[in-house]
N, C-alpha and C. Protein backbone atom coordinates (compact mmCIF):
# COMPACT_ATOMS: atom_id res chain seq x y z
N MET A 1 -25.44 31.09 45.19
CA MET A 1 -25.87 30.39 44.00
C MET A 1 -25.41 31.10 42.74
N LYS A 2 -25.25 32.39 42.80
CA LYS A 2 -24.82 33.16 41.66
C LYS A 2 -23.39 32.77 41.26
N VAL A 3 -22.54 32.43 42.21
CA VAL A 3 -21.15 32.04 41.92
C VAL A 3 -21.13 30.74 41.14
N TRP A 4 -21.94 29.76 41.53
CA TRP A 4 -21.97 28.48 40.83
C TRP A 4 -22.48 28.64 39.40
N ARG A 5 -23.36 29.55 39.22
CA ARG A 5 -23.89 29.82 37.90
C ARG A 5 -22.79 30.41 37.00
N GLN A 6 -21.99 31.31 37.54
CA GLN A 6 -20.90 31.90 36.79
C GLN A 6 -19.83 30.85 36.46
N VAL A 7 -19.55 29.97 37.43
CA VAL A 7 -18.57 28.91 37.20
C VAL A 7 -19.07 27.99 36.08
N ALA A 8 -20.32 27.61 36.11
CA ALA A 8 -20.90 26.75 35.07
C ALA A 8 -20.86 27.43 33.71
N LEU A 9 -21.13 28.73 33.68
CA LEU A 9 -21.10 29.48 32.43
C LEU A 9 -19.68 29.54 31.86
N ILE A 10 -18.72 29.79 32.71
CA ILE A 10 -17.31 29.85 32.27
C ILE A 10 -16.85 28.49 31.78
N LEU A 11 -17.16 27.42 32.51
CA LEU A 11 -16.79 26.07 32.07
C LEU A 11 -17.46 25.69 30.75
N SER A 12 -18.70 26.06 30.59
CA SER A 12 -19.41 25.77 29.34
C SER A 12 -18.77 26.50 28.17
N ALA A 13 -18.42 27.76 28.38
CA ALA A 13 -17.77 28.53 27.32
C ALA A 13 -16.41 27.93 26.97
N ALA A 14 -15.66 27.49 28.00
CA ALA A 14 -14.34 26.89 27.76
C ALA A 14 -14.48 25.57 27.00
N LEU A 15 -15.43 24.75 27.38
CA LEU A 15 -15.66 23.48 26.69
C LEU A 15 -16.09 23.69 25.24
N LEU A 16 -16.95 24.67 25.02
CA LEU A 16 -17.39 24.98 23.67
C LEU A 16 -16.21 25.45 22.81
N ALA A 17 -15.39 26.35 23.36
CA ALA A 17 -14.23 26.85 22.62
C ALA A 17 -13.23 25.72 22.35
N GLY A 18 -13.02 24.86 23.33
CA GLY A 18 -12.11 23.72 23.13
C GLY A 18 -12.62 22.75 22.09
N GLY A 19 -13.92 22.49 22.11
CA GLY A 19 -14.51 21.58 21.13
C GLY A 19 -14.42 22.12 19.72
N VAL A 20 -14.72 23.39 19.54
CA VAL A 20 -14.62 24.01 18.22
C VAL A 20 -13.17 24.00 17.75
N SER A 21 -12.24 24.33 18.65
CA SER A 21 -10.83 24.33 18.30
C SER A 21 -10.35 22.94 17.89
N ALA A 22 -10.82 21.92 18.59
CA ALA A 22 -10.42 20.54 18.27
C ALA A 22 -10.90 20.12 16.89
N VAL A 23 -11.99 20.69 16.42
CA VAL A 23 -12.55 20.29 15.13
C VAL A 23 -11.97 21.11 13.97
N VAL A 24 -11.81 22.41 14.14
CA VAL A 24 -11.45 23.26 13.01
C VAL A 24 -10.02 23.80 13.04
N HIS A 25 -9.26 23.53 14.07
CA HIS A 25 -7.90 24.07 14.15
C HIS A 25 -7.01 23.45 13.07
N PRO A 26 -6.23 24.26 12.34
CA PRO A 26 -5.43 23.70 11.24
C PRO A 26 -4.29 22.80 11.71
N TYR A 27 -3.82 22.94 12.94
CA TYR A 27 -2.72 22.12 13.45
C TYR A 27 -3.18 21.21 14.58
N LYS A 28 -4.38 20.71 14.49
CA LYS A 28 -4.91 19.86 15.56
C LYS A 28 -4.14 18.55 15.62
N PRO A 29 -3.94 18.02 16.80
CA PRO A 29 -3.24 16.74 16.93
C PRO A 29 -4.15 15.59 16.49
N PRO A 30 -3.56 14.51 16.04
CA PRO A 30 -4.40 13.37 15.64
C PRO A 30 -5.08 12.75 16.85
N TRP A 31 -6.28 12.25 16.67
CA TRP A 31 -7.03 11.63 17.76
C TRP A 31 -6.72 10.14 17.86
N PHE A 32 -5.84 9.67 17.03
CA PHE A 32 -5.47 8.26 17.04
C PHE A 32 -3.96 8.19 16.84
N GLU A 33 -3.40 7.05 17.17
CA GLU A 33 -1.96 6.87 17.02
C GLU A 33 -1.61 6.70 15.55
N THR A 34 -0.62 7.43 15.10
CA THR A 34 -0.21 7.33 13.70
C THR A 34 1.18 6.72 13.63
N GLU A 35 1.50 6.17 12.47
CA GLU A 35 2.81 5.57 12.26
C GLU A 35 3.85 6.66 12.04
N ASP A 36 5.01 6.43 12.54
CA ASP A 36 6.12 7.36 12.38
C ASP A 36 6.42 7.52 10.88
N PRO A 37 6.41 8.74 10.35
CA PRO A 37 6.67 8.93 8.91
C PRO A 37 8.04 8.42 8.48
N ALA A 38 9.02 8.45 9.37
CA ALA A 38 10.35 7.95 9.03
C ALA A 38 10.32 6.45 8.78
N VAL A 39 9.44 5.75 9.46
CA VAL A 39 9.30 4.30 9.26
C VAL A 39 8.39 4.02 8.08
N ALA A 40 7.31 4.78 7.96
CA ALA A 40 6.32 4.55 6.90
C ALA A 40 6.91 4.75 5.51
N ARG A 41 7.89 5.60 5.36
CA ARG A 41 8.42 5.87 4.02
C ARG A 41 9.15 4.67 3.43
N TRP A 42 9.53 3.71 4.28
CA TRP A 42 10.24 2.53 3.79
C TRP A 42 9.33 1.35 3.53
N ARG A 43 8.04 1.51 3.72
CA ARG A 43 7.09 0.42 3.49
C ARG A 43 6.58 0.51 2.04
N ILE A 44 6.42 -0.64 1.42
CA ILE A 44 5.90 -0.67 0.05
C ILE A 44 4.88 -1.81 -0.04
N ASP A 45 3.75 -1.51 -0.64
CA ASP A 45 2.72 -2.55 -0.79
C ASP A 45 2.94 -3.28 -2.12
N LEU A 46 2.07 -4.24 -2.40
CA LEU A 46 2.24 -5.07 -3.60
C LEU A 46 2.16 -4.26 -4.89
N SER A 47 1.23 -3.30 -4.96
CA SER A 47 1.13 -2.49 -6.18
C SER A 47 2.35 -1.60 -6.34
N GLY A 48 2.86 -1.07 -5.24
CA GLY A 48 4.09 -0.27 -5.30
C GLY A 48 5.27 -1.10 -5.73
N ALA A 49 5.33 -2.35 -5.29
CA ALA A 49 6.42 -3.24 -5.70
C ALA A 49 6.33 -3.56 -7.19
N ARG A 50 5.12 -3.73 -7.68
CA ARG A 50 4.95 -3.98 -9.12
C ARG A 50 5.42 -2.78 -9.94
N GLU A 51 5.08 -1.58 -9.48
CA GLU A 51 5.53 -0.36 -10.18
C GLU A 51 7.05 -0.25 -10.14
N LEU A 52 7.64 -0.59 -9.01
CA LEU A 52 9.09 -0.54 -8.87
C LEU A 52 9.76 -1.50 -9.84
N MET A 53 9.19 -2.70 -9.97
CA MET A 53 9.75 -3.69 -10.91
C MET A 53 9.58 -3.25 -12.35
N ALA A 54 8.51 -2.53 -12.65
CA ALA A 54 8.29 -2.06 -14.02
C ALA A 54 9.31 -1.00 -14.42
N ARG A 55 9.82 -0.26 -13.44
CA ARG A 55 10.80 0.80 -13.73
C ARG A 55 12.21 0.26 -13.96
N GLY A 56 12.50 -0.93 -13.45
CA GLY A 56 13.85 -1.48 -13.62
C GLY A 56 14.10 -2.62 -12.67
N PRO A 57 15.34 -3.13 -12.67
CA PRO A 57 15.66 -4.28 -11.82
C PRO A 57 15.60 -3.93 -10.33
N VAL A 58 15.14 -4.92 -9.56
CA VAL A 58 15.00 -4.80 -8.11
C VAL A 58 15.76 -5.95 -7.48
N LEU A 59 16.49 -5.68 -6.40
CA LEU A 59 17.14 -6.74 -5.65
C LEU A 59 16.19 -7.17 -4.54
N TRP A 60 15.80 -8.45 -4.54
CA TRP A 60 14.90 -8.99 -3.54
C TRP A 60 15.72 -9.70 -2.46
N ILE A 61 15.43 -9.39 -1.22
CA ILE A 61 16.10 -10.01 -0.08
C ILE A 61 15.05 -10.79 0.72
N ASP A 62 15.32 -12.06 0.94
CA ASP A 62 14.43 -12.92 1.71
C ASP A 62 14.95 -12.96 3.15
N ALA A 63 14.17 -12.46 4.09
CA ALA A 63 14.58 -12.39 5.49
C ALA A 63 14.12 -13.60 6.29
N ARG A 64 13.57 -14.59 5.64
CA ARG A 64 13.05 -15.76 6.34
C ARG A 64 14.17 -16.75 6.64
N SER A 65 13.81 -17.85 7.26
CA SER A 65 14.79 -18.89 7.58
C SER A 65 15.24 -19.59 6.29
N ARG A 66 16.36 -20.29 6.39
CA ARG A 66 16.89 -21.02 5.23
C ARG A 66 15.87 -22.06 4.75
N GLN A 67 15.22 -22.75 5.67
CA GLN A 67 14.25 -23.78 5.30
C GLN A 67 13.08 -23.16 4.52
N ALA A 68 12.58 -22.03 4.98
CA ALA A 68 11.48 -21.37 4.28
C ALA A 68 11.92 -20.89 2.91
N HIS A 69 13.13 -20.36 2.80
CA HIS A 69 13.66 -19.89 1.52
C HIS A 69 13.78 -21.04 0.53
N GLU A 70 14.30 -22.18 0.99
CA GLU A 70 14.47 -23.33 0.11
C GLU A 70 13.14 -23.94 -0.29
N ALA A 71 12.11 -23.78 0.54
CA ALA A 71 10.79 -24.31 0.22
C ALA A 71 10.11 -23.48 -0.86
N GLY A 72 10.47 -22.23 -1.00
CA GLY A 72 9.89 -21.37 -2.02
C GLY A 72 10.24 -19.93 -1.76
N ALA A 73 10.65 -19.23 -2.80
CA ALA A 73 11.05 -17.83 -2.66
C ALA A 73 10.89 -17.12 -3.99
N ILE A 74 11.03 -15.82 -3.97
CA ILE A 74 11.01 -15.04 -5.21
C ILE A 74 12.25 -15.45 -6.02
N PRO A 75 12.07 -15.78 -7.30
CA PRO A 75 13.21 -16.19 -8.12
C PRO A 75 14.30 -15.11 -8.14
N GLY A 76 15.52 -15.53 -7.88
CA GLY A 76 16.66 -14.62 -7.89
C GLY A 76 16.86 -13.85 -6.59
N SER A 77 16.01 -14.10 -5.60
CA SER A 77 16.16 -13.37 -4.33
C SER A 77 17.35 -13.92 -3.54
N LEU A 78 17.91 -13.06 -2.71
CA LEU A 78 19.02 -13.45 -1.85
C LEU A 78 18.49 -13.77 -0.46
N LEU A 79 18.97 -14.87 0.10
CA LEU A 79 18.64 -15.19 1.48
C LEU A 79 19.56 -14.37 2.38
N LEU A 80 18.97 -13.59 3.28
CA LEU A 80 19.76 -12.78 4.21
C LEU A 80 18.93 -12.63 5.48
N ASN A 81 19.17 -13.51 6.45
CA ASN A 81 18.40 -13.46 7.69
C ASN A 81 19.31 -13.14 8.88
N ALA A 82 18.70 -12.85 9.99
CA ALA A 82 19.44 -12.45 11.19
C ALA A 82 20.26 -13.61 11.76
N GLU A 83 19.75 -14.84 11.65
CA GLU A 83 20.45 -15.99 12.22
C GLU A 83 21.79 -16.27 11.55
N GLU A 84 21.86 -16.06 10.25
CA GLU A 84 23.08 -16.34 9.49
C GLU A 84 23.68 -15.07 8.89
N TRP A 85 23.49 -13.95 9.54
CA TRP A 85 23.86 -12.64 9.00
C TRP A 85 25.30 -12.60 8.49
N GLY A 86 26.26 -12.97 9.33
CA GLY A 86 27.68 -12.88 8.96
C GLY A 86 28.03 -13.72 7.76
N GLU A 87 27.62 -14.98 7.77
CA GLU A 87 27.92 -15.89 6.67
C GLU A 87 27.28 -15.42 5.37
N LEU A 88 26.01 -15.03 5.45
CA LEU A 88 25.29 -14.64 4.25
C LEU A 88 25.77 -13.29 3.70
N MET A 89 26.19 -12.40 4.56
CA MET A 89 26.75 -11.12 4.09
C MET A 89 28.02 -11.38 3.27
N PHE A 90 28.85 -12.27 3.74
CA PHE A 90 30.07 -12.62 3.02
C PHE A 90 29.73 -13.31 1.70
N GLU A 91 28.76 -14.23 1.74
CA GLU A 91 28.36 -14.97 0.55
C GLU A 91 27.78 -14.07 -0.54
N HIS A 92 27.04 -13.05 -0.13
CA HIS A 92 26.35 -12.18 -1.09
C HIS A 92 27.00 -10.80 -1.24
N GLN A 93 28.25 -10.66 -0.87
CA GLN A 93 28.87 -9.32 -0.87
C GLN A 93 28.90 -8.67 -2.25
N VAL A 94 29.14 -9.43 -3.29
CA VAL A 94 29.19 -8.87 -4.65
C VAL A 94 27.79 -8.37 -5.06
N ALA A 95 26.79 -9.19 -4.83
CA ALA A 95 25.41 -8.80 -5.18
C ALA A 95 24.96 -7.59 -4.37
N LEU A 96 25.36 -7.52 -3.12
CA LEU A 96 24.97 -6.37 -2.29
C LEU A 96 25.69 -5.10 -2.73
N GLN A 97 26.92 -5.22 -3.23
CA GLN A 97 27.61 -4.05 -3.75
C GLN A 97 26.94 -3.55 -5.02
N GLU A 98 26.44 -4.45 -5.83
CA GLU A 98 25.72 -4.05 -7.04
C GLU A 98 24.38 -3.42 -6.70
N ALA A 99 23.87 -3.66 -5.50
CA ALA A 99 22.57 -3.13 -5.09
C ALA A 99 22.60 -1.62 -4.88
N PHE A 100 23.76 -1.02 -4.85
CA PHE A 100 23.84 0.44 -4.73
C PHE A 100 23.26 1.12 -5.96
N GLU A 101 23.11 0.37 -7.04
CA GLU A 101 22.61 0.93 -8.28
C GLU A 101 21.12 0.68 -8.51
N ARG A 102 20.47 -0.01 -7.58
CA ARG A 102 19.05 -0.32 -7.77
C ARG A 102 18.34 -0.43 -6.43
N PRO A 103 17.00 -0.37 -6.45
CA PRO A 103 16.25 -0.48 -5.19
C PRO A 103 16.29 -1.90 -4.63
N VAL A 104 16.15 -1.99 -3.32
CA VAL A 104 16.15 -3.26 -2.62
C VAL A 104 14.81 -3.40 -1.90
N VAL A 105 14.21 -4.58 -1.98
CA VAL A 105 12.97 -4.87 -1.27
C VAL A 105 13.20 -6.11 -0.42
N VAL A 106 12.93 -5.99 0.87
CA VAL A 106 13.09 -7.10 1.80
C VAL A 106 11.70 -7.65 2.12
N TYR A 107 11.58 -8.97 2.12
CA TYR A 107 10.28 -9.58 2.41
C TYR A 107 10.46 -10.75 3.35
N CYS A 108 9.37 -11.10 4.01
CA CYS A 108 9.28 -12.34 4.78
C CYS A 108 7.85 -12.84 4.67
N ASP A 109 7.32 -13.48 5.69
CA ASP A 109 6.00 -14.11 5.57
C ASP A 109 4.88 -13.17 5.96
N GLY A 110 4.52 -12.23 5.13
CA GLY A 110 3.36 -11.37 5.34
C GLY A 110 3.64 -10.17 6.21
N GLU A 111 2.56 -9.43 6.52
CA GLU A 111 2.67 -8.16 7.23
C GLU A 111 3.03 -8.31 8.71
N GLU A 112 2.75 -9.45 9.29
CA GLU A 112 3.01 -9.65 10.72
C GLU A 112 4.47 -9.99 11.00
N CYS A 113 5.27 -10.19 9.98
CA CYS A 113 6.66 -10.60 10.16
C CYS A 113 7.55 -9.38 10.37
N ALA A 114 8.26 -9.35 11.49
CA ALA A 114 9.13 -8.22 11.81
C ALA A 114 10.56 -8.44 11.30
N ARG A 115 10.85 -9.62 10.80
CA ARG A 115 12.22 -9.93 10.34
C ARG A 115 12.64 -9.01 9.19
N SER A 116 11.72 -8.74 8.28
CA SER A 116 12.08 -7.92 7.12
C SER A 116 12.42 -6.49 7.53
N SER A 117 11.73 -5.95 8.52
CA SER A 117 12.05 -4.59 9.00
C SER A 117 13.43 -4.56 9.63
N GLU A 118 13.75 -5.60 10.38
CA GLU A 118 15.07 -5.67 11.02
C GLU A 118 16.19 -5.75 9.98
N ILE A 119 16.04 -6.61 9.00
CA ILE A 119 17.06 -6.77 7.97
C ILE A 119 17.18 -5.51 7.12
N ALA A 120 16.05 -4.90 6.78
CA ALA A 120 16.08 -3.65 6.00
C ALA A 120 16.81 -2.56 6.78
N GLY A 121 16.56 -2.46 8.06
CA GLY A 121 17.25 -1.48 8.89
C GLY A 121 18.75 -1.72 8.91
N ARG A 122 19.15 -2.97 9.02
CA ARG A 122 20.58 -3.30 9.00
C ARG A 122 21.22 -2.91 7.66
N LEU A 123 20.52 -3.19 6.58
CA LEU A 123 21.08 -2.85 5.26
C LEU A 123 21.24 -1.34 5.08
N ARG A 124 20.27 -0.59 5.59
CA ARG A 124 20.36 0.87 5.49
C ARG A 124 21.47 1.42 6.39
N GLU A 125 21.50 0.94 7.63
CA GLU A 125 22.44 1.50 8.61
C GLU A 125 23.87 1.01 8.43
N LEU A 126 24.04 -0.31 8.22
CA LEU A 126 25.38 -0.87 8.17
C LEU A 126 26.03 -0.77 6.79
N LEU A 127 25.22 -0.91 5.73
CA LEU A 127 25.78 -0.87 4.38
C LEU A 127 25.54 0.45 3.67
N GLY A 128 24.60 1.22 4.14
CA GLY A 128 24.30 2.49 3.49
C GLY A 128 23.47 2.35 2.23
N LEU A 129 22.77 1.24 2.08
CA LEU A 129 21.92 1.06 0.91
C LEU A 129 20.71 1.99 0.99
N ASP A 130 20.31 2.52 -0.14
CA ASP A 130 19.17 3.42 -0.18
C ASP A 130 18.62 3.42 -1.60
N PRO A 131 17.39 3.11 -1.84
CA PRO A 131 16.35 2.78 -0.88
C PRO A 131 16.29 1.29 -0.57
N VAL A 132 15.89 0.97 0.65
CA VAL A 132 15.64 -0.41 1.06
C VAL A 132 14.21 -0.43 1.62
N TYR A 133 13.32 -1.06 0.88
CA TYR A 133 11.91 -1.11 1.26
C TYR A 133 11.57 -2.40 1.98
N VAL A 134 10.49 -2.36 2.75
CA VAL A 134 9.94 -3.54 3.39
C VAL A 134 8.60 -3.83 2.72
N LEU A 135 8.46 -5.03 2.18
CA LEU A 135 7.24 -5.41 1.47
C LEU A 135 6.12 -5.70 2.47
N GLU A 136 4.99 -5.05 2.25
CA GLU A 136 3.79 -5.33 3.03
C GLU A 136 2.90 -6.22 2.18
N GLY A 137 2.47 -7.31 2.74
CA GLY A 137 1.64 -8.24 1.99
C GLY A 137 2.39 -9.52 1.69
N ASP A 138 1.72 -10.43 1.04
CA ASP A 138 2.27 -11.74 0.75
C ASP A 138 3.04 -11.71 -0.56
N TRP A 139 4.31 -12.04 -0.51
CA TRP A 139 5.17 -11.99 -1.69
C TRP A 139 4.70 -12.95 -2.78
N ARG A 140 3.96 -13.99 -2.41
CA ARG A 140 3.48 -14.98 -3.40
C ARG A 140 2.50 -14.36 -4.38
N GLU A 141 1.88 -13.24 -4.01
CA GLU A 141 0.92 -12.58 -4.89
C GLU A 141 1.57 -11.76 -6.00
N LEU A 142 2.87 -11.59 -5.96
CA LEU A 142 3.56 -10.79 -6.97
C LEU A 142 3.66 -11.49 -8.32
N LYS A 143 3.71 -12.81 -8.34
CA LYS A 143 3.78 -13.58 -9.58
C LYS A 143 4.95 -13.12 -10.46
N ILE A 144 6.16 -13.24 -9.90
CA ILE A 144 7.36 -12.83 -10.63
C ILE A 144 7.83 -14.01 -11.49
N ALA A 145 8.08 -13.76 -12.75
CA ALA A 145 8.52 -14.80 -13.67
C ALA A 145 9.96 -15.17 -13.38
N GLU A 146 10.25 -16.44 -13.59
CA GLU A 146 11.63 -16.92 -13.34
C GLU A 146 12.53 -16.61 -14.49
């Protein structure tokens, strides 16, 4: 019985030390899944987009379908979606070359839309544009004047 008592004491001490370490250790791992910082740095919310517009001109890229773009879009935005990538890249080549001098924000229909992340990634990787942000939130809330 003495052996079991020692085993219980050692396990209790180890659990106590592990628990204290998990709470106060300066390099403790997160207890929940976090977003990759390399991805998070390209996300911009509505207030960040407003601040960006206040600093200077922004190139807006609409990653939605042509029908959605024609139904309503940010004034002056360029339609650039995955379905028509080649045609639209050729059509907007001059505007995209001018985008090297200003920030680019890609948007689609709210936070659940993955199209804007895909298009933003293509613009960064294939064209070398920097910065290219992905808008989080509904673009209709920006109230951009025509």
